[in-house]
Protein backbone atom coordinates (compact mmCIF):
# COMPACT_ATOMS: atom_id res chain seq x y z
CA UNK A 1 -0.37 -10.74 -11.14
CA UNK A 2 -1.04 -14.33 -12.10
CA UNK A 3 0.65 -15.81 -9.01
CA UNK A 4 2.27 -14.82 -5.73
CA UNK A 5 5.85 -15.39 -6.95
CA UNK A 6 5.36 -12.98 -9.85
CA UNK A 7 3.98 -10.38 -7.44
CA UNK A 8 6.89 -10.85 -5.02
CA UNK A 9 9.43 -10.40 -7.82
CA UNK A 10 7.62 -7.36 -9.21
CA UNK A 11 7.42 -5.60 -5.81
CA UNK A 12 11.05 -6.47 -5.03
CA UNK A 13 12.08 -4.90 -8.34
CA UNK A 14 10.14 -1.68 -7.59
CA UNK A 15 11.68 -1.34 -4.11
CA UNK A 16 15.18 -1.91 -5.43
CA UNK A 17 14.71 0.56 -8.29
CA UNK A 18 13.65 3.30 -5.85
CA UNK A 19 16.51 2.32 -3.49
CA UNK A 20 14.04 1.77 -0.67
CA UNK A 21 15.98 -1.46 -0.09
CA UNK A 22 19.75 -1.22 0.13
CA UNK A 23 22.27 -4.05 0.23
CA UNK A 24 25.77 -3.48 1.62
CA UNK A 25 27.61 -6.71 2.28
CA UNK A 26 30.87 -5.00 3.24
CA UNK A 27 29.47 -1.99 5.04
CA UNK A 28 26.49 -3.30 7.07
CA UNK A 29 23.72 -1.26 8.63
CA UNK A 30 22.88 -1.24 12.31
CA UNK A 31 19.29 -2.28 13.06
CA UNK A 32 17.40 -1.07 16.11
CA UNK A 33 17.80 -4.60 17.50
CA UNK A 34 21.51 -3.89 17.81
CA UNK A 35 22.28 -6.35 15.01
CA UNK A 36 24.53 -5.46 12.12
CA UNK A 37 22.86 -6.43 8.84
CA UNK A 38 23.85 -6.18 5.16
CA UNK A 39 20.29 -5.24 4.16
CA UNK A 40 18.05 -2.33 5.11
CA UNK A 41 14.50 -1.40 4.07
CA UNK A 42 13.43 2.23 4.46
CA UNK A 43 9.70 2.03 3.74
CA UNK A 44 9.22 5.79 4.10
CA UNK A 45 11.13 6.30 0.86
CA UNK A 46 8.15 4.76 -0.98
CA UNK A 47 5.96 7.70 0.00
CA UNK A 48 7.99 10.09 -2.17
CA UNK A 49 7.34 8.18 -5.39
CA UNK A 50 3.77 8.32 -6.64
CA UNK A 51 3.95 5.27 -8.94
CA UNK A 52 5.43 2.79 -6.47
CA UNK A 53 3.37 4.27 -3.61
CA UNK A 54 0.17 3.57 -5.55
CA UNK A 55 1.33 0.07 -6.48
CA UNK A 56 1.99 -0.81 -2.82
CA UNK A 57 -1.31 0.75 -1.70
CA UNK A 58 -3.35 -1.13 -4.32
CA UNK A 59 -1.60 -4.47 -3.75
CA UNK A 60 -1.91 -4.31 0.04
CA UNK A 61 -5.59 -3.43 -0.32
CA UNK A 62 -6.11 -6.29 -2.77
CA UNK A 63 -4.33 -8.69 -0.42
CA UNK A 64 -6.64 -7.72 2.45
CA UNK A 65 -9.77 -8.14 0.30
CA UNK A 66 -8.61 -11.57 -0.92
CA UNK A 67 -7.25 -12.99 2.33
CA UNK A 68 -9.45 -11.22 4.90
CA UNK A 69 -12.85 -10.48 3.33
CA UNK A 70 -14.39 -10.11 6.80
CA UNK A 71 -12.08 -7.19 7.70
CA UNK A 72 -13.83 -4.16 9.19
CA UNK A 73 -10.91 -1.90 10.19
CA UNK A 74 -7.22 -1.26 9.54
CA UNK A 75 -4.60 -0.84 12.28
CA UNK A 76 -1.12 0.39 11.33
CA UNK A 77 2.05 -0.26 13.31
CA UNK A 78 3.45 3.13 14.34
CA UNK A 79 5.39 4.99 13.21
CA UNK A 80 6.61 3.63 9.87
CA UNK A 81 3.35 2.08 8.63
CA UNK A 82 1.01 4.94 9.57
CA UNK A 83 0.99 6.66 6.16
CA UNK A 84 0.62 3.48 4.11
CA UNK A 85 -1.96 2.04 6.51
CA UNK A 86 -4.06 5.17 6.19
CA UNK A 87 -3.88 5.01 2.38
CA UNK A 88 -5.04 1.39 2.50
CA UNK A 89 -7.91 2.23 4.86
CA UNK A 90 -8.95 5.07 2.55
CA UNK A 91 -8.86 2.75 -0.47
CA UNK A 92 -10.99 0.15 1.31
CA UNK A 93 -13.26 2.76 2.91
CA UNK A 94 -12.60 1.35 6.40
CA UNK A 95 -11.98 2.87 9.84
CA UNK A 96 -8.32 3.46 10.64
CA UNK A 97 -6.24 3.46 13.81
CA UNK A 98 -2.56 3.30 14.48
CA UNK A 99 -0.95 1.58 17.41
CA UNK A 100 2.17 2.64 19.31
CA UNK A 101 4.51 -0.21 20.15
CA UNK A 102 4.99 1.34 23.61
CA UNK A 103 2.56 3.35 25.79
CA UNK A 104 2.92 7.12 25.58
CA UNK A 105 4.14 8.96 28.64
CA UNK A 106 1.87 11.97 28.11
CA UNK A 107 -1.73 12.91 27.35
CA UNK A 108 -4.13 9.95 27.61
CA UNK A 109 -1.12 7.58 27.45
CA UNK A 110 -2.90 5.67 24.68
CA UNK A 111 -1.32 2.92 22.66
CA UNK A 112 -4.20 2.89 20.19
CA UNK A 113 -4.80 6.22 18.45
CA UNK A 114 -8.33 6.33 17.08
CA UNK A 115 -11.54 4.46 17.89
CA UNK A 116 -12.31 0.76 17.56
CA UNK A 117 -15.47 -1.05 18.53
CA UNK A 118 -15.43 -4.11 20.76
CA UNK A 119 -15.29 -7.20 18.56
CA UNK A 120 -14.42 -5.25 15.40
CA UNK A 121 -12.45 -7.41 12.95
CA UNK A 122 -9.08 -5.76 12.39
CA UNK A 123 -6.19 -6.35 9.99
CA UNK A 124 -2.76 -5.04 11.00
CA UNK A 125 -0.68 -3.25 8.35
CA UNK A 126 3.08 -3.01 8.81
CA UNK A 127 6.00 -2.26 6.55
CA UNK A 128 8.30 -5.20 7.30
CA UNK A 129 8.52 -8.41 9.27
CA UNK A 130 11.78 -9.40 10.92
CA UNK A 131 11.53 -10.73 14.47
CA UNK A 132 7.85 -9.78 14.75
CA UNK A 133 8.39 -7.92 18.02
CA UNK A 134 6.56 -4.71 17.08
CA UNK A 135 3.75 -6.37 15.14
CA UNK A 136 3.02 -8.83 17.92
CA UNK A 137 3.10 -6.04 20.49
CA UNK A 138 0.46 -4.25 18.41
CA UNK A 139 -1.60 -7.43 18.16
CA UNK A 140 -1.50 -7.75 21.95
CA UNK A 141 -2.65 -4.14 22.45
CA UNK A 142 -5.55 -4.60 20.00
CA UNK A 143 -6.68 -7.83 21.65
CA UNK A 144 -6.56 -6.19 25.08
CA UNK A 145 -8.80 -3.41 23.75
CA UNK A 146 -11.41 -5.98 22.70
CA UNK A 147 -10.70 -5.96 18.96
CA UNK A 148 -10.70 -9.18 16.94
CA UNK A 149 -7.35 -9.35 15.11
CA UNK A 150 -7.91 -11.57 12.07
CA UNK A 151 -4.55 -11.14 10.32
CA UNK A 152 -1.60 -9.05 9.27
CA UNK A 153 -0.17 -7.80 5.96
CA UNK A 154 3.23 -6.28 5.25
CA UNK A 155 5.32 -5.05 2.35
CA UNK A 156 8.47 -7.09 3.05
CA UNK A 157 9.03 -10.35 4.91
CA UNK A 158 12.66 -10.95 5.84
CA UNK A 159 11.79 -14.64 6.27
CA UNK A 160 13.85 -14.89 9.44
CA UNK A 161 13.51 -18.15 11.32
CA UNK A 162 13.03 -16.38 14.65
CA UNK A 163 10.18 -14.29 13.25
CA UNK A 164 8.43 -17.28 11.69
CA UNK A 165 8.42 -19.07 15.05
CA UNK A 166 7.17 -15.95 16.87
CA UNK A 167 4.20 -15.53 14.53
CA UNK A 168 3.37 -19.23 14.73
CA UNK A 169 3.37 -19.12 18.53
CA UNK A 170 1.17 -16.00 18.47
CA UNK A 171 -1.26 -17.83 16.18
CA UNK A 172 -1.61 -14.96 13.73
CA UNK A 173 -1.93 -15.39 9.96
CA UNK A 174 0.19 -13.05 7.84
CA UNK A 175 0.98 -12.28 4.20
CA UNK A 176 3.60 -10.07 2.56
CA UNK A 177 3.89 -8.49 -0.88
CA UNK A 178 7.51 -9.50 -1.28
CA UNK A 179 10.21 -11.47 0.48
CA UNK A 180 13.90 -11.58 1.29
CA UNK A 181 14.33 -14.38 -1.29
CA UNK A 182 12.84 -12.32 -4.12
CA UNK A 183 14.83 -9.23 -3.14
CA UNK A 184 18.17 -11.07 -3.24
CA UNK A 185 17.26 -12.82 -6.51
CA UNK A 186 16.28 -9.56 -8.23
CA UNK A 187 19.25 -7.64 -6.80
CA UNK A 188 21.59 -10.26 -8.28
CA UNK A 189 19.85 -10.09 -11.67
CA UNK A 190 20.11 -6.28 -11.65
CA UNK A 191 23.81 -6.41 -10.82
CA UNK A 192 23.30 -4.71 -7.46
CA UNK A 193 25.19 -7.56 -5.80
CA UNK A 194 27.57 -10.24 -7.07
CA UNK A 195 27.80 -13.91 -6.12
CA UNK A 196 30.27 -13.35 -3.30
CA UNK A 197 28.11 -10.59 -1.80
CA UNK A 198 25.01 -12.78 -2.07
CA UNK A 199 26.82 -15.48 -0.07
CA UNK A 200 27.69 -12.95 2.65
CA UNK A 201 24.07 -11.80 2.83
CA UNK A 202 22.80 -15.39 2.99
CA UNK A 203 25.26 -16.10 5.83
CA UNK A 204 23.71 -13.19 7.74
CA UNK A 205 20.20 -14.47 7.00
CA UNK A 206 21.05 -17.89 8.45
CA UNK A 207 22.45 -16.48 11.70
CA UNK A 208 21.50 -12.79 12.00
CA UNK A 209 22.10 -12.60 15.75
CA UNK A 210 25.71 -13.79 15.57
CA UNK A 211 26.71 -12.91 12.00
CA UNK A 212 28.90 -9.98 12.97
CA UNK A 213 29.33 -8.68 16.50
CA UNK A 214 28.74 -5.01 16.98
CA UNK A 215 32.15 -3.34 17.27
CA UNK A 216 32.82 -1.73 20.60
CA UNK A 217 33.50 1.95 20.48
CA UNK A 218 36.92 2.76 21.92
CA UNK A 219 36.76 4.53 25.24
CA UNK A 220 37.47 8.20 24.90
CA UNK A 221 40.61 9.31 26.63
CA UNK A 222 40.23 12.44 28.70
CA UNK A 223 41.55 15.43 26.85
CA UNK A 224 44.94 16.56 28.05
CA UNK A 225 45.11 20.06 29.35
CA UNK A 226 47.32 22.24 27.26
CA UNK A 227 50.49 23.21 29.01
CA UNK A 228 50.69 26.91 29.60
CA UNK A 229 53.93 28.79 29.96
CA UNK A 230 54.57 30.02 33.47
CA UNK A 231 53.81 33.68 33.77
CA UNK A 232 56.59 35.85 35.20
CA UNK A 233 55.84 37.22 38.62
CA UNK A 234 54.66 40.79 38.61
CA UNK A 235 57.18 43.26 39.98
CA UNK A 236 55.81 45.52 42.61
CA UNK A 237 55.98 49.10 41.49
CA UNK A 238 57.49 51.37 44.13
CA UNK A 239 56.57 55.02 44.11
CA UNK A 240 59.36 57.24 42.95
CA UNK A 241 61.04 59.36 45.59
CA UNK A 242 60.85 63.01 44.96
């Protein structure tokens, strides 16, 4: 691609075509943050389509070579980025690890699965950037292990204000193949959303934490016991007199 904007638009188009990104202004998705959102990216869907999977693998690898030429290893954010991270590491002929966002409660209780050398220059691979919580947790685990985290790459950047601040405060450089802006632009051009729906989605993007409160589930009323008809009392049977 001749420039970053062309790449962002191209990747956004591929993700929308394969329905890896869905937009539902009137029937929002629930994120694991508890937020309701009119957009959802299922990166695992990419793995089923050879063409788009190869495009993402090649472009992430190219991005790492261009932006982080000193990289010596790849670390994927578990679980969603494990497969793509491994493909990138294979393409670049680099060591690979994946990092759990929380410690395991069994076995060695590792957060980092695989081996890294002290001081090894590592690039984190993740599928999407929203608040940055998982990616920054992985960065912290890698730094604590003695690795040198030199940057992060992802497929999609939601361009959320909260996430931008979090990454700035963590002092980590990051790049993404596509962005929220390109996704919405391409979705509108494809007719996936209309102007009114785009406005709804932009309203969410401006205030994702308060855009739409999560509806409370009505308390379940205890089931009423079915009324049973009273059984007639049994008559005692007297022995017949002979």
